[in-house]
Amino acid sequence: MSDAQSKLQRLQSSGILESRQFSPDELTMIATITDDEIDVLVRLRERLGVPDDDKQHIKPNIFV
C-alpha cells in the first residue's frame, strides 16, 4: 500500500471522508496531507462524534 493510500484509508476508517465523493484531483491533494494533519483530523472526529445522517453528504464532514 502506498503512503497516499494509507492516508486515505486512515481518513476513511475514521469516518472523516469517503473517497468516492472526491475527484481524482482532490484525492491527489488529499495525499499531500501530512501525518500530523491527519492525526489532528482524526482527533477532531473523535471529539465531535459522527455527523447527523442529513449531513453525511458534506465533504469533508469533520466540521458539521
PDB file of N, CA and C in Angstrom:
ATOM      1  N   MET A   1       0.843  -1.179   0.000  1.00  0.00           N
ATOM      2  CA  MET A   1       0.000   0.000   0.000  1.00  0.00           C
ATOM      3  C   MET A   1       0.890   1.243   0.000  1.00  0.00           C
ATOM      4  N   SER A   2       0.553   2.174  -0.855  1.00  0.00           N
ATOM      5  CA  SER A   2       1.329   3.406  -0.924  1.00  0.00           C
ATOM      6  C   SER A   2       1.011   4.299   0.264  1.00  0.00           C
ATOM      7  N   ASP A   3       1.858   5.274   0.483  1.00  0.00           N
ATOM      8  CA  ASP A   3       1.644   6.229   1.568  1.00  0.00           C
ATOM      9  C   ASP A   3       0.334   6.992   1.356  1.00  0.00           C
ATOM     10  N   ALA A   4       0.057   7.364   0.110  1.00  0.00           N
ATOM     11  CA  ALA A   4      -1.187   8.090  -0.197  1.00  0.00           C
ATOM     12  C   ALA A   4      -2.401   7.222   0.116  1.00  0.00           C
ATOM     13  N   GLN A   5      -2.362   5.952  -0.245  1.00  0.00           N
ATOM     14  CA  GLN A   5      -3.477   5.048   0.041  1.00  0.00           C
ATOM     15  C   GLN A   5      -3.645   4.863   1.544  1.00  0.00           C
ATOM     16  N   SER A   6      -2.527   4.788   2.255  1.00  0.00           N
ATOM     17  CA  SER A   6      -2.572   4.639   3.704  1.00  0.00           C
ATOM     18  C   SER A   6      -3.239   5.849   4.354  1.00  0.00           C
ATOM     19  N   LYS A   7      -2.891   7.036   3.896  1.00  0.00           N
ATOM     20  CA  LYS A   7      -3.502   8.260   4.424  1.00  0.00           C
ATOM     21  C   LYS A   7      -4.994   8.276   4.146  1.00  0.00           C
ATOM     22  N   LEU A   8      -5.359   7.955   2.930  1.00  0.00           N
ATOM     23  CA  LEU A   8      -6.764   7.931   2.549  1.00  0.00           C
ATOM     24  C   LEU A   8      -7.523   6.902   3.378  1.00  0.00           C
ATOM     25  N   GLN A   9      -6.923   5.752   3.591  1.00  0.00           N
ATOM     26  CA  GLN A   9      -7.560   4.709   4.376  1.00  0.00           C
ATOM     27  C   GLN A   9      -7.770   5.159   5.827  1.00  0.00           C
ATOM     28  N   ARG A  10      -6.805   5.850   6.402  1.00  0.00           N
ATOM     29  CA  ARG A  10      -6.956   6.369   7.772  1.00  0.00           C
ATOM     30  C   ARG A  10      -8.111   7.358   7.855  1.00  0.00           C
ATOM     31  N   LEU A  11      -8.210   8.240   6.877  1.00  0.00           N
ATOM     32  CA  LEU A  11      -9.289   9.229   6.873  1.00  0.00           C
ATOM     33  C   LEU A  11     -10.652   8.556   6.706  1.00  0.00           C
ATOM     34  N   GLN A  12     -10.714   7.552   5.845  1.00  0.00           N
ATOM     35  CA  GLN A  12     -11.974   6.836   5.626  1.00  0.00           C
ATOM     36  C   GLN A  12     -12.371   6.025   6.852  1.00  0.00           C
ATOM     37  N   SER A  13     -11.427   5.307   7.431  1.00  0.00           N
ATOM     38  CA  SER A  13     -11.763   4.457   8.574  1.00  0.00           C
ATOM     39  C   SER A  13     -12.143   5.278   9.804  1.00  0.00           C
ATOM     40  N   SER A  14     -11.710   6.530   9.845  1.00  0.00           N
ATOM     41  CA  SER A  14     -12.069   7.422  10.949  1.00  0.00           C
ATOM     42  C   SER A  14     -13.408   8.107  10.720  1.00  0.00           C
ATOM     43  N   GLY A  15     -13.997   7.894   9.549  1.00  0.00           N
ATOM     44  CA  GLY A  15     -15.289   8.487   9.254  1.00  0.00           C
ATOM     45  C   GLY A  15     -15.209   9.937   8.826  1.00  0.00           C
ATOM     46  N   ILE A  16     -14.029  10.365   8.401  1.00  0.00           N
ATOM     47  CA  ILE A  16     -13.841  11.765   8.021  1.00  0.00           C
ATOM     48  C   ILE A  16     -14.266  12.013   6.586  1.00  0.00           C
ATOM     49  N   LEU A  17     -14.004  11.064   5.697  1.00  0.00           N
ATOM     50  CA  LEU A  17     -14.379  11.239   4.301  1.00  0.00           C
ATOM     51  C   LEU A  17     -14.611   9.905   3.643  1.00  0.00           C
ATOM     52  N   GLU A  18     -15.263   9.961   2.496  1.00  0.00           N
ATOM     53  CA  GLU A  18     -15.471   8.808   1.632  1.00  0.00           C
ATOM     54  C   GLU A  18     -14.796   9.119   0.307  1.00  0.00           C
ATOM     55  N   SER A  19     -13.857   8.295  -0.092  1.00  0.00           N
ATOM     56  CA  SER A  19     -13.088   8.591  -1.305  1.00  0.00           C
ATOM     57  C   SER A  19     -13.968   8.703  -2.544  1.00  0.00           C
ATOM     58  N   ARG A  20     -15.110   8.024  -2.563  1.00  0.00           N
ATOM     59  CA  ARG A  20     -15.989   8.085  -3.747  1.00  0.00           C
ATOM     60  C   ARG A  20     -16.601   9.469  -3.940  1.00  0.00           C
ATOM     61  N   GLN A  21     -16.536  10.323  -2.918  1.00  0.00           N
ATOM     62  CA  GLN A  21     -17.088  11.673  -3.019  1.00  0.00           C
ATOM     63  C   GLN A  21     -16.116  12.655  -3.661  1.00  0.00           C
ATOM     64  N   PHE A  22     -14.889  12.222  -3.908  1.00  0.00           N
ATOM     65  CA  PHE A  22     -13.851  13.137  -4.367  1.00  0.00           C
ATOM     66  C   PHE A  22     -13.390  12.811  -5.778  1.00  0.00           C
ATOM     67  N   SER A  23     -13.010  13.848  -6.493  1.00  0.00           N
ATOM     68  CA  SER A  23     -12.456  13.685  -7.839  1.00  0.00           C
ATOM     69  C   SER A  23     -11.016  13.192  -7.732  1.00  0.00           C
ATOM     70  N   PRO A  24     -10.450  12.688  -8.813  1.00  0.00           N
ATOM     71  CA  PRO A  24      -9.038  12.274  -8.782  1.00  0.00           C
ATOM     72  C   PRO A  24      -8.099  13.413  -8.371  1.00  0.00           C
ATOM     73  N   ASP A  25      -8.389  14.633  -8.818  1.00  0.00           N
ATOM     74  CA  ASP A  25      -7.551  15.773  -8.428  1.00  0.00           C
ATOM     75  C   ASP A  25      -7.632  16.034  -6.924  1.00  0.00           C
ATOM     76  N   GLU A  26      -8.837  15.929  -6.371  1.00  0.00           N
ATOM     77  CA  GLU A  26      -8.999  16.120  -4.934  1.00  0.00           C
ATOM     78  C   GLU A  26      -8.291  15.019  -4.145  1.00  0.00           C
ATOM     79  N   LEU A  27      -8.350  13.789  -4.639  1.00  0.00           N
ATOM     80  CA  LEU A  27      -7.647  12.688  -3.976  1.00  0.00           C
ATOM     81  C   LEU A  27      -6.132  12.883  -4.019  1.00  0.00           C
ATOM     82  N   THR A  28      -5.634  13.437  -5.105  1.00  0.00           N
ATOM     83  CA  THR A  28      -4.210  13.746  -5.198  1.00  0.00           C
ATOM     84  C   THR A  28      -3.819  14.789  -4.161  1.00  0.00           C
ATOM     85  N   MET A  29      -4.668  15.790  -3.977  1.00  0.00           N
ATOM     86  CA  MET A  29      -4.402  16.819  -2.978  1.00  0.00           C
ATOM     87  C   MET A  29      -4.450  16.229  -1.566  1.00  0.00           C
ATOM     88  N   ILE A  30      -5.417  15.352  -1.315  1.00  0.00           N
ATOM     89  CA  ILE A  30      -5.538  14.709  -0.003  1.00  0.00           C
ATOM     90  C   ILE A  30      -4.270  13.924   0.324  1.00  0.00           C
ATOM     91  N   ALA A  31      -3.645  13.346  -0.675  1.00  0.00           N
ATOM     92  CA  ALA A  31      -2.421  12.569  -0.470  1.00  0.00           C
ATOM     93  C   ALA A  31      -1.269  13.431   0.036  1.00  0.00           C
ATOM     94  N   THR A  32      -1.379  14.745  -0.109  1.00  0.00           N
ATOM     95  CA  THR A  32      -0.298  15.637   0.344  1.00  0.00           C
ATOM     96  C   THR A  32      -0.437  16.039   1.810  1.00  0.00           C
ATOM     97  N   ILE A  33      -1.550  15.652   2.436  1.00  0.00           N
ATOM     98  CA  ILE A  33      -1.758  15.977   3.848  1.00  0.00           C
ATOM     99  C   ILE A  33      -0.714  15.241   4.678  1.00  0.00           C
ATOM    100  N   THR A  34      -0.146  15.924   5.645  1.00  0.00           N
ATOM    101  CA  THR A  34       0.891  15.295   6.479  1.00  0.00           C
ATOM    102  C   THR A  34       0.249  14.363   7.502  1.00  0.00           C
ATOM    103  N   ASP A  35       1.059  13.464   8.041  1.00  0.00           N
ATOM    104  CA  ASP A  35       0.579  12.553   9.080  1.00  0.00           C
ATOM    105  C   ASP A  35       0.092  13.329  10.306  1.00  0.00           C
ATOM    106  N   ASP A  36       0.792  14.405  10.643  1.00  0.00           N
ATOM    107  CA  ASP A  36       0.367  15.229  11.785  1.00  0.00           C
ATOM    108  C   ASP A  36      -1.004  15.851  11.534  1.00  0.00           C
ATOM    109  N   GLU A  37      -1.242  16.311  10.324  1.00  0.00           N
ATOM    110  CA  GLU A  37      -2.543  16.897   9.991  1.00  0.00           C
ATOM    111  C   GLU A  37      -3.644  15.840  10.066  1.00  0.00           C
ATOM    112  N   ILE A  38      -3.352  14.646   9.600  1.00  0.00           N
ATOM    113  CA  ILE A  38      -4.325  13.560   9.673  1.00  0.00           C
ATOM    114  C   ILE A  38      -4.629  13.227  11.130  1.00  0.00           C
ATOM    115  N   ASP A  39      -3.595  13.209  11.967  1.00  0.00           N
ATOM    116  CA  ASP A  39      -3.793  12.954  13.399  1.00  0.00           C
ATOM    117  C   ASP A  39      -4.761  13.967  14.007  1.00  0.00           C
ATOM    118  N   VAL A  40      -4.602  15.233  13.637  1.00  0.00           N
ATOM    119  CA  VAL A  40      -5.487  16.284  14.154  1.00  0.00           C
ATOM    120  C   VAL A  40      -6.916  16.043  13.675  1.00  0.00           C
ATOM    121  N   LEU A  41      -7.098  15.734  12.408  1.00  0.00           N
ATOM    122  CA  LEU A  41      -8.442  15.483  11.879  1.00  0.00           C
ATOM    123  C   LEU A  41      -9.096  14.289  12.564  1.00  0.00           C
ATOM    124  N   VAL A  42      -8.323  13.235  12.799  1.00  0.00           N
ATOM    125  CA  VAL A  42      -8.856  12.050  13.475  1.00  0.00           C
ATOM    126  C   VAL A  42      -9.281  12.394  14.899  1.00  0.00           C
ATOM    127  N   ARG A  43      -8.463  13.152  15.602  1.00  0.00           N
ATOM    128  CA  ARG A  43      -8.816  13.554  16.975  1.00  0.00           C
ATOM    129  C   ARG A  43     -10.066  14.436  16.983  1.00  0.00           C
ATOM    130  N   LEU A  44     -10.184  15.331  16.018  1.00  0.00           N
ATOM    131  CA  LEU A  44     -11.381  16.170  15.920  1.00  0.00           C
ATOM    132  C   LEU A  44     -12.631  15.324  15.697  1.00  0.00           C
ATOM    133  N   ARG A  45     -12.539  14.363  14.794  1.00  0.00           N
ATOM    134  CA  ARG A  45     -13.690  13.492  14.515  1.00  0.00           C
ATOM    135  C   ARG A  45     -14.075  12.738  15.781  1.00  0.00           C
ATOM    136  N   GLU A  46     -13.089  12.238  16.533  1.00  0.00           N
ATOM    137  CA  GLU A  46     -13.377  11.510  17.762  1.00  0.00           C
ATOM    138  C   GLU A  46     -14.087  12.405  18.768  1.00  0.00           C
ATOM    139  N   ARG A  47     -13.663  13.638  18.878  1.00  0.00           N
ATOM    140  CA  ARG A  47     -14.270  14.569  19.838  1.00  0.00           C
ATOM    141  C   ARG A  47     -15.660  15.036  19.404  1.00  0.00           C
ATOM    142  N   LEU A  48     -15.834  15.260  18.117  1.00  0.00           N
ATOM    143  CA  LEU A  48     -17.108  15.760  17.614  1.00  0.00           C
ATOM    144  C   LEU A  48     -18.147  14.665  17.439  1.00  0.00           C
ATOM    145  N   GLY A  49     -17.708  13.439  17.270  1.00  0.00           N
ATOM    146  CA  GLY A  49     -18.627  12.335  17.037  1.00  0.00           C
ATOM    147  C   GLY A  49     -19.053  12.263  15.584  1.00  0.00           C
ATOM    148  N   VAL A  50     -19.960  11.358  15.325  1.00  0.00           N
ATOM    149  CA  VAL A  50     -20.442  11.119  13.965  1.00  0.00           C
ATOM    150  C   VAL A  50     -21.437  12.210  13.584  1.00  0.00           C
ATOM    151  N   PRO A  51     -21.349  12.735  12.347  1.00  0.00           N
ATOM    152  CA  PRO A  51     -22.305  13.769  11.931  1.00  0.00           C
ATOM    153  C   PRO A  51     -23.711  13.196  11.775  1.00  0.00           C
ATOM    154  N   ASP A  52     -24.708  14.069  11.881  1.00  0.00           N
ATOM    155  CA  ASP A  52     -26.089  13.666  11.677  1.00  0.00           C
ATOM    156  C   ASP A  52     -26.254  13.049  10.293  1.00  0.00           C
ATOM    157  N   ASP A  53     -27.240  12.156  10.156  1.00  0.00           N
ATOM    158  CA  ASP A  53     -27.473  11.484   8.876  1.00  0.00           C
ATOM    159  C   ASP A  53     -27.677  12.461   7.734  1.00  0.00           C
ATOM    160  N   ASP A  54     -28.325  13.582   7.980  1.00  0.00           N
ATOM    161  CA  ASP A  54     -28.584  14.540   6.911  1.00  0.00           C
ATOM    162  C   ASP A  54     -27.349  15.362   6.552  1.00  0.00           C
ATOM    163  N   LYS A  55     -26.249  15.181   7.270  1.00  0.00           N
ATOM    164  CA  LYS A  55     -25.014  15.919   6.990  1.00  0.00           C
ATOM    165  C   LYS A  55     -23.946  15.030   6.363  1.00  0.00           C
ATOM    166  N   GLN A  56     -24.226  13.757   6.139  1.00  0.00           N
ATOM    167  CA  GLN A  56     -23.237  12.816   5.625  1.00  0.00           C
ATOM    168  C   GLN A  56     -22.733  13.177   4.229  1.00  0.00           C
ATOM    169  N   HIS A  57     -23.505  13.904   3.470  1.00  0.00           N
ATOM    170  CA  HIS A  57     -23.136  14.239   2.102  1.00  0.00           C
ATOM    171  C   HIS A  57     -22.093  15.359   2.014  1.00  0.00           C
ATOM    172  N   ILE A  58     -21.893  16.074   3.098  1.00  0.00           N
ATOM    173  CA  ILE A  58     -20.970  17.203   3.077  1.00  0.00           C
ATOM    174  C   ILE A  58     -19.533  16.688   3.138  1.00  0.00           C
ATOM    175  N   LYS A  59     -18.669  17.213   2.296  1.00  0.00           N
ATOM    176  CA  LYS A  59     -17.286  16.745   2.289  1.00  0.00           C
ATOM    177  C   LYS A  59     -16.326  17.858   2.599  1.00  0.00           C
ATOM    178  N   PRO A  60     -15.324  17.646   3.377  1.00  0.00           N
ATOM    179  CA  PRO A  60     -15.293  16.583   4.374  1.00  0.00           C
ATOM    180  C   PRO A  60     -16.224  16.942   5.504  1.00  0.00           C
ATOM    181  N   ASN A  61     -16.707  15.971   6.185  1.00  0.00           N
ATOM    182  CA  ASN A  61     -17.745  16.226   7.178  1.00  0.00           C
ATOM    183  C   ASN A  61     -17.186  16.435   8.576  1.00  0.00           C
ATOM    184  N   ILE A  62     -15.951  16.762   8.714  1.00  0.00           N
ATOM    185  CA  ILE A  62     -15.306  16.886  10.016  1.00  0.00           C
ATOM    186  C   ILE A  62     -15.894  18.026  10.834  1.00  0.00           C
ATOM    187  N   PHE A  63     -16.390  19.069  10.214  1.00  0.00           N
ATOM    188  CA  PHE A  63     -16.809  20.251  10.965  1.00  0.00           C
ATOM    189  C   PHE A  63     -18.303  20.415  11.103  1.00  0.00           C
ATOM    190  N   VAL A  64     -19.082  19.432  10.702  1.00  0.00           N
ATOM    191  CA  VAL A  64     -20.535  19.555  10.824  1.00  0.00           C
ATOM    192  C   VAL A  64     -21.063  18.730  11.964  1.00  0.00           C
TER     193      VAL A  64
END
